[in-house]
Protein backbone atom coordinates (compact mmCIF):
# COMPACT_ATOMS: atom_id res chain seq x y z
CA UNK A 1 -94.89 -60.98 19.54
CA UNK A 2 -96.04 -58.65 16.90
CA UNK A 3 -92.56 -58.81 15.25
CA UNK A 4 -92.68 -62.62 15.28
CA UNK A 5 -96.05 -62.69 13.57
CA UNK A 6 -94.84 -60.09 11.01
CA UNK A 7 -91.77 -62.14 10.24
CA UNK A 8 -93.82 -65.33 9.87
CA UNK A 9 -96.28 -63.69 7.62
CA UNK A 10 -93.42 -62.41 5.42
CA UNK A 11 -91.82 -65.81 5.26
CA UNK A 12 -95.03 -67.51 4.31
CA UNK A 13 -95.57 -64.96 1.43
CA UNK A 14 -92.09 -65.67 0.19
CA UNK A 15 -92.75 -69.35 0.44
CA UNK A 16 -95.88 -69.00 -1.74
CA UNK A 17 -93.91 -67.03 -4.35
CA UNK A 18 -91.17 -69.73 -4.38
CA UNK A 19 -93.69 -72.51 -4.74
CA UNK A 20 -95.37 -70.64 -7.60
CA UNK A 21 -92.00 -70.20 -9.33
CA UNK A 22 -91.18 -73.88 -8.74
CA UNK A 23 -94.34 -75.16 -10.39
CA UNK A 24 -94.52 -72.67 -13.30
CA UNK A 25 -91.24 -73.49 -14.96
CA UNK A 26 -90.25 -72.23 -18.34
CA UNK A 27 -90.10 -75.11 -20.85
CA UNK A 28 -87.93 -74.56 -23.91
CA UNK A 29 -89.49 -77.45 -25.73
CA UNK A 30 -93.04 -75.97 -25.20
CA UNK A 31 -91.88 -72.60 -26.37
CA UNK A 32 -90.15 -74.12 -29.35
CA UNK A 33 -93.36 -76.08 -30.36
CA UNK A 34 -95.62 -72.99 -30.23
CA UNK A 35 -93.01 -70.83 -32.05
CA UNK A 36 -93.05 -73.42 -34.87
CA UNK A 37 -96.79 -73.42 -35.12
CA UNK A 38 -96.81 -69.53 -35.20
CA UNK A 39 -94.08 -69.38 -37.82
CA UNK A 40 -95.72 -72.03 -39.94
CA UNK A 41 -99.12 -70.16 -39.93
CA UNK A 42 -97.30 -66.94 -40.86
CA UNK A 43 -95.69 -68.57 -43.92
CA UNK A 44 -98.62 -70.65 -44.95
CA UNK A 45 -101.22 -67.81 -44.84
CA UNK A 46 -99.42 -66.24 -47.88
CA UNK A 47 -99.60 -69.54 -49.88
CA UNK A 48 -103.47 -70.01 -49.98
CA UNK A 49 -103.90 -69.34 -53.71
CA UNK A 50 -102.67 -72.89 -54.66
CA UNK A 51 -105.40 -75.34 -53.50
CA UNK A 52 -103.12 -78.38 -53.57
CA UNK A 53 -100.27 -76.57 -51.58
CA UNK A 54 -102.73 -75.02 -49.13
CA UNK A 55 -104.37 -78.35 -48.40
CA UNK A 56 -100.94 -79.78 -47.59
CA UNK A 57 -100.25 -76.93 -45.32
CA UNK A 58 -103.54 -77.48 -43.50
CA UNK A 59 -102.42 -81.09 -42.94
CA UNK A 60 -99.06 -80.04 -41.75
CA UNK A 61 -100.37 -77.40 -39.18
CA UNK A 62 -103.01 -79.84 -37.95
CA UNK A 63 -100.29 -82.36 -37.09
CA UNK A 64 -98.19 -79.65 -35.40
CA UNK A 65 -101.09 -78.42 -33.22
CA UNK A 66 -101.96 -82.10 -32.34
CA UNK A 67 -98.31 -82.62 -31.35
CA UNK A 68 -98.56 -79.50 -29.14
CA UNK A 69 -101.77 -80.84 -27.47
CA UNK A 70 -100.11 -84.16 -26.77
CA UNK A 71 -96.95 -82.47 -25.49
CA UNK A 72 -98.89 -80.30 -22.95
CA UNK A 73 -101.46 -82.91 -22.01
CA UNK A 74 -99.90 -84.49 -18.94
CA UNK A 75 -97.68 -81.66 -17.68
CA UNK A 76 -98.55 -80.85 -14.11
CA UNK A 77 -99.53 -77.24 -13.17
CA UNK A 78 -99.93 -76.31 -16.87
CA UNK A 79 -103.69 -76.29 -17.32
CA UNK A 80 -103.91 -72.86 -18.93
CA UNK A 81 -101.45 -73.81 -21.79
CA UNK A 82 -103.02 -77.19 -22.12
CA UNK A 83 -106.51 -75.60 -22.54
CA UNK A 84 -105.14 -73.18 -25.02
CA UNK A 85 -103.48 -75.92 -27.00
CA UNK A 86 -106.72 -77.68 -27.41
CA UNK A 87 -108.51 -74.63 -28.69
CA UNK A 88 -105.61 -74.04 -31.06
CA UNK A 89 -105.89 -77.59 -32.36
CA UNK A 90 -109.71 -77.14 -32.94
CA UNK A 91 -108.92 -74.16 -35.32
CA UNK A 92 -106.36 -76.23 -37.25
CA UNK A 93 -108.56 -79.31 -37.42
CA UNK A 94 -111.43 -77.12 -38.59
CA UNK A 95 -109.33 -75.80 -41.48
CA UNK A 96 -108.21 -79.36 -42.45
CA UNK A 97 -111.88 -80.53 -42.23
CA UNK A 98 -112.87 -77.92 -44.81
CA UNK A 99 -110.19 -79.14 -47.23
CA UNK A 100 -111.28 -82.74 -46.69
CA UNK A 101 -114.95 -81.98 -47.25
CA UNK A 102 -114.78 -79.58 -50.18
CA UNK A 103 -113.02 -79.80 -53.55
CA UNK A 104 -112.35 -76.12 -53.33
CA UNK A 105 -111.63 -73.87 -50.28
CA UNK A 106 -111.66 -70.13 -50.75
CA UNK A 107 -108.20 -68.54 -50.46
CA UNK A 108 -109.74 -65.86 -48.23
CA UNK A 109 -111.11 -68.63 -45.85
CA UNK A 110 -107.63 -70.23 -45.84
CA UNK A 111 -105.93 -66.97 -45.09
CA UNK A 112 -108.33 -65.94 -42.31
CA UNK A 113 -107.83 -69.43 -40.65
CA UNK A 114 -104.05 -69.23 -40.80
CA UNK A 115 -104.19 -65.71 -39.45
CA UNK A 116 -106.35 -66.78 -36.60
CA UNK A 117 -103.86 -69.61 -35.91
CA UNK A 118 -100.99 -67.23 -36.02
CA UNK A 119 -102.66 -64.81 -33.58
CA UNK A 120 -103.65 -67.44 -31.19
CA UNK A 121 -100.25 -69.07 -31.30
CA UNK A 122 -98.70 -65.65 -30.56
CA UNK A 123 -100.90 -65.34 -27.46
CA UNK A 124 -99.92 -68.71 -26.24
CA UNK A 125 -96.26 -67.98 -26.99
CA UNK A 126 -96.46 -64.81 -24.75
CA UNK A 127 -97.96 -66.95 -21.97
CA UNK A 128 -95.36 -69.70 -22.24
CA UNK A 129 -92.55 -67.07 -22.47
CA UNK A 130 -93.68 -65.25 -19.39
CA UNK A 131 -93.09 -68.30 -17.16
CA UNK A 132 -90.12 -67.94 -14.74
CA UNK A 133 -86.81 -69.33 -15.93
């Protein structure tokens, strides 16, 4: 009787692991979107000296983060990435808001915001990349 209980317990644990792996699937599109955001932030942070160019970059990254939010919004069993995408979008929208409110935005502010976007995107990228394949 003890052996049967032990076997059933082991099978139920394996079942939980299988369900977990089934629901947490690796998504190449999701990984591609966050990699694109991270790469853009990496490139854009070094181009903050030119006000017109950096404003355009702020607009571009805001669209990319909004796209990432929309992509993750209705995916089942993906609440952690969806919540992270919303926070990432808030950072990008905050940068864009500064460019829309002010005639001049400090290159230091611009660089710090893009660095923050880059680090946050890297964290999300690690989370998405760790999902089972």
